[in-house]
Amino acid sequence: MDDIINENYQSIVDRGLISPSTSVNDFLIKALEEVDELCNAWKGLDKYNQKEELADVIMVCLNMAKHYNIDIEQEIKNKIEVNKKRALK
């Protein structure tokens, strides 16, 4: 997973879309744009665009985690454990 995260992040940095000054708000705005595109693709029942737009949403989230030094793989594992415990209640 680290390779995917690093490669994607670097490609966006290289395009000038992420810089040290990129803010949380910038990431959240981009995430909302991508979610909107995903919703539109889903409404249109375009299977190709659904997949691509879902990947875009995930990549924005991964980029945000990388930018703010969040070990997203560990956080996902932590969340899975929380969900497992909730299922036992």
C-alpha atoms as a PDB file:
ATOM      1  CA  MET A   1       0.000   0.000   0.000  1.00  0.00           C
ATOM      2  CA  ASP A   2       2.881   2.393   0.731  1.00  0.00           C
ATOM      3  CA  ASP A   3       4.037   2.178  -2.891  1.00  0.00           C
ATOM      4  CA  ILE A   4       0.596   3.146  -4.173  1.00  0.00           C
ATOM      5  CA  ILE A   5       0.303   6.019  -1.716  1.00  0.00           C
ATOM      6  CA  ASN A   6       3.800   7.362  -2.429  1.00  0.00           C
ATOM      7  CA  GLU A   7       3.530   7.036  -6.213  1.00  0.00           C
ATOM      8  CA  ASN A   8       0.142   8.737  -6.340  1.00  0.00           C
ATOM      9  CA  TYR A   9       1.157  11.528  -3.966  1.00  0.00           C
ATOM     10  CA  GLN A  10       4.354  12.246  -5.899  1.00  0.00           C
ATOM     11  CA  SER A  11       2.497  12.350  -9.209  1.00  0.00           C
ATOM     12  CA  ILE A  12       0.137  14.992  -7.828  1.00  0.00           C
ATOM     13  CA  VAL A  13       3.019  16.980  -6.297  1.00  0.00           C
ATOM     14  CA  ASP A  14       4.843  16.818  -9.648  1.00  0.00           C
ATOM     15  CA  ARG A  15       1.754  18.300 -11.332  1.00  0.00           C
ATOM     16  CA  GLY A  16       1.860  21.180  -8.855  1.00  0.00           C
ATOM     17  CA  LEU A  17      -1.495  20.294  -7.292  1.00  0.00           C
ATOM     18  CA  ILE A  18      -0.084  19.645  -3.819  1.00  0.00           C
ATOM     19  CA  SER A  19       2.546  21.811  -2.164  1.00  0.00           C
ATOM     20  CA  PRO A  20       3.695  22.401   1.409  1.00  0.00           C
ATOM     21  CA  SER A  21       1.036  25.118   1.658  1.00  0.00           C
ATOM     22  CA  THR A  22      -1.856  22.842   0.684  1.00  0.00           C
ATOM     23  CA  SER A  23      -4.361  23.106   3.515  1.00  0.00           C
ATOM     24  CA  VAL A  24      -6.841  20.717   5.077  1.00  0.00           C
ATOM     25  CA  ASN A  25      -9.545  22.843   3.503  1.00  0.00           C
ATOM     26  CA  ASP A  26      -7.953  22.389   0.059  1.00  0.00           C
ATOM     27  CA  PHE A  27      -8.062  18.615   0.498  1.00  0.00           C
ATOM     28  CA  LEU A  28     -11.644  18.695   1.759  1.00  0.00           C
ATOM     29  CA  ILE A  29     -12.798  20.824  -1.161  1.00  0.00           C
ATOM     30  CA  LYS A  30     -11.122  18.421  -3.584  1.00  0.00           C
ATOM     31  CA  ALA A  31     -12.677  15.429  -1.802  1.00  0.00           C
ATOM     32  CA  LEU A  32     -16.137  17.007  -2.070  1.00  0.00           C
ATOM     33  CA  GLU A  33     -15.590  17.653  -5.783  1.00  0.00           C
ATOM     34  CA  GLU A  34     -14.624  14.029  -6.306  1.00  0.00           C
ATOM     35  CA  VAL A  35     -17.593  12.735  -4.270  1.00  0.00           C
ATOM     36  CA  ASP A  36     -19.881  14.899  -6.389  1.00  0.00           C
ATOM     37  CA  GLU A  37     -18.362  13.409  -9.543  1.00  0.00           C
ATOM     38  CA  LEU A  38     -18.830   9.917  -8.094  1.00  0.00           C
ATOM     39  CA  CYS A  39     -22.490  10.656  -7.356  1.00  0.00           C
ATOM     40  CA  ASN A  40     -23.028  11.932 -10.888  1.00  0.00           C
ATOM     41  CA  ALA A  41     -21.327   8.874 -12.383  1.00  0.00           C
ATOM     42  CA  TRP A  42     -23.441   6.582 -10.238  1.00  0.00           C
ATOM     43  CA  LYS A  43     -26.654   8.365 -11.212  1.00  0.00           C
ATOM     44  CA  GLY A  44     -25.670   8.005 -14.843  1.00  0.00           C
ATOM     45  CA  LEU A  45     -25.015   4.282 -14.361  1.00  0.00           C
ATOM     46  CA  ASP A  46     -21.746   4.601 -16.247  1.00  0.00           C
ATOM     47  CA  LYS A  47     -19.783   1.652 -14.821  1.00  0.00           C
ATOM     48  CA  TYR A  48     -16.416   2.888 -16.108  1.00  0.00           C
ATOM     49  CA  ASN A  49     -16.797   6.329 -14.586  1.00  0.00           C
ATOM     50  CA  GLN A  50     -18.134   4.871 -11.333  1.00  0.00           C
ATOM     51  CA  LYS A  51     -14.925   2.925 -10.853  1.00  0.00           C
ATOM     52  CA  GLU A  52     -12.686   5.808 -11.866  1.00  0.00           C
ATOM     53  CA  GLU A  53     -14.504   8.322  -9.677  1.00  0.00           C
ATOM     54  CA  LEU A  54     -14.440   5.978  -6.680  1.00  0.00           C
ATOM     55  CA  ALA A  55     -10.682   5.646  -7.153  1.00  0.00           C
ATOM     56  CA  ASP A  56     -10.395   9.450  -7.306  1.00  0.00           C
ATOM     57  CA  VAL A  57     -12.190   9.822  -3.958  1.00  0.00           C
ATOM     58  CA  ILE A  58      -9.889   7.246  -2.370  1.00  0.00           C
ATOM     59  CA  MET A  59      -6.764   8.832  -3.852  1.00  0.00           C
ATOM     60  CA  VAL A  60      -7.650  12.282  -2.485  1.00  0.00           C
ATOM     61  CA  CYS A  61      -8.052  10.741   0.973  1.00  0.00           C
ATOM     62  CA  LEU A  62      -4.745   8.882   0.655  1.00  0.00           C
ATOM     63  CA  ASN A  63      -3.019  12.086  -0.459  1.00  0.00           C
ATOM     64  CA  MET A  64      -4.423  13.953   2.528  1.00  0.00           C
ATOM     65  CA  ALA A  65      -3.186  11.249   4.886  1.00  0.00           C
ATOM     66  CA  LYS A  66       0.269  11.284   3.299  1.00  0.00           C
ATOM     67  CA  HIS A  67       0.443  15.081   3.395  1.00  0.00           C
ATOM     68  CA  TYR A  68      -0.321  15.126   7.117  1.00  0.00           C
ATOM     69  CA  ASN A  69       1.880  12.135   7.988  1.00  0.00           C
ATOM     70  CA  ILE A  70      -1.018   9.869   8.909  1.00  0.00           C
ATOM     71  CA  ASP A  71      -0.269   6.161   8.666  1.00  0.00           C
ATOM     72  CA  ILE A  72      -3.540   5.450   6.891  1.00  0.00           C
ATOM     73  CA  GLU A  73      -2.916   1.713   6.641  1.00  0.00           C
ATOM     74  CA  GLN A  74      -2.624   1.521  10.433  1.00  0.00           C
ATOM     75  CA  GLU A  75      -5.646   3.772  10.886  1.00  0.00           C
ATOM     76  CA  ILE A  76      -7.709   1.515   8.626  1.00  0.00           C
ATOM     77  CA  LYS A  77      -6.633  -1.503  10.657  1.00  0.00           C
ATOM     78  CA  ASN A  78      -7.562   0.346  13.862  1.00  0.00           C
ATOM     79  CA  LYS A  79     -10.973   1.195  12.442  1.00  0.00           C
ATOM     80  CA  ILE A  80     -11.582  -2.418  11.437  1.00  0.00           C
ATOM     81  CA  GLU A  81     -10.959  -3.439  15.042  1.00  0.00           C
ATOM     82  CA  VAL A  82     -13.409  -0.790  16.266  1.00  0.00           C
ATOM     83  CA  ASN A  83     -16.001  -2.093  13.816  1.00  0.00           C
ATOM     84  CA  LYS A  84     -15.434  -5.680  14.934  1.00  0.00           C
ATOM     85  CA  LYS A  85     -16.003  -4.679  18.558  1.00  0.00           C
ATOM     86  CA  ARG A  86     -19.188  -2.848  17.601  1.00  0.00           C
ATOM     87  CA  ALA A  87     -20.449  -5.961  15.832  1.00  0.00           C
ATOM     88  CA  LEU A  88     -20.095  -7.939  19.081  1.00  0.00           C
ATOM     89  CA  LYS A  89     -22.395  -5.609  21.012  1.00  0.00           C
END
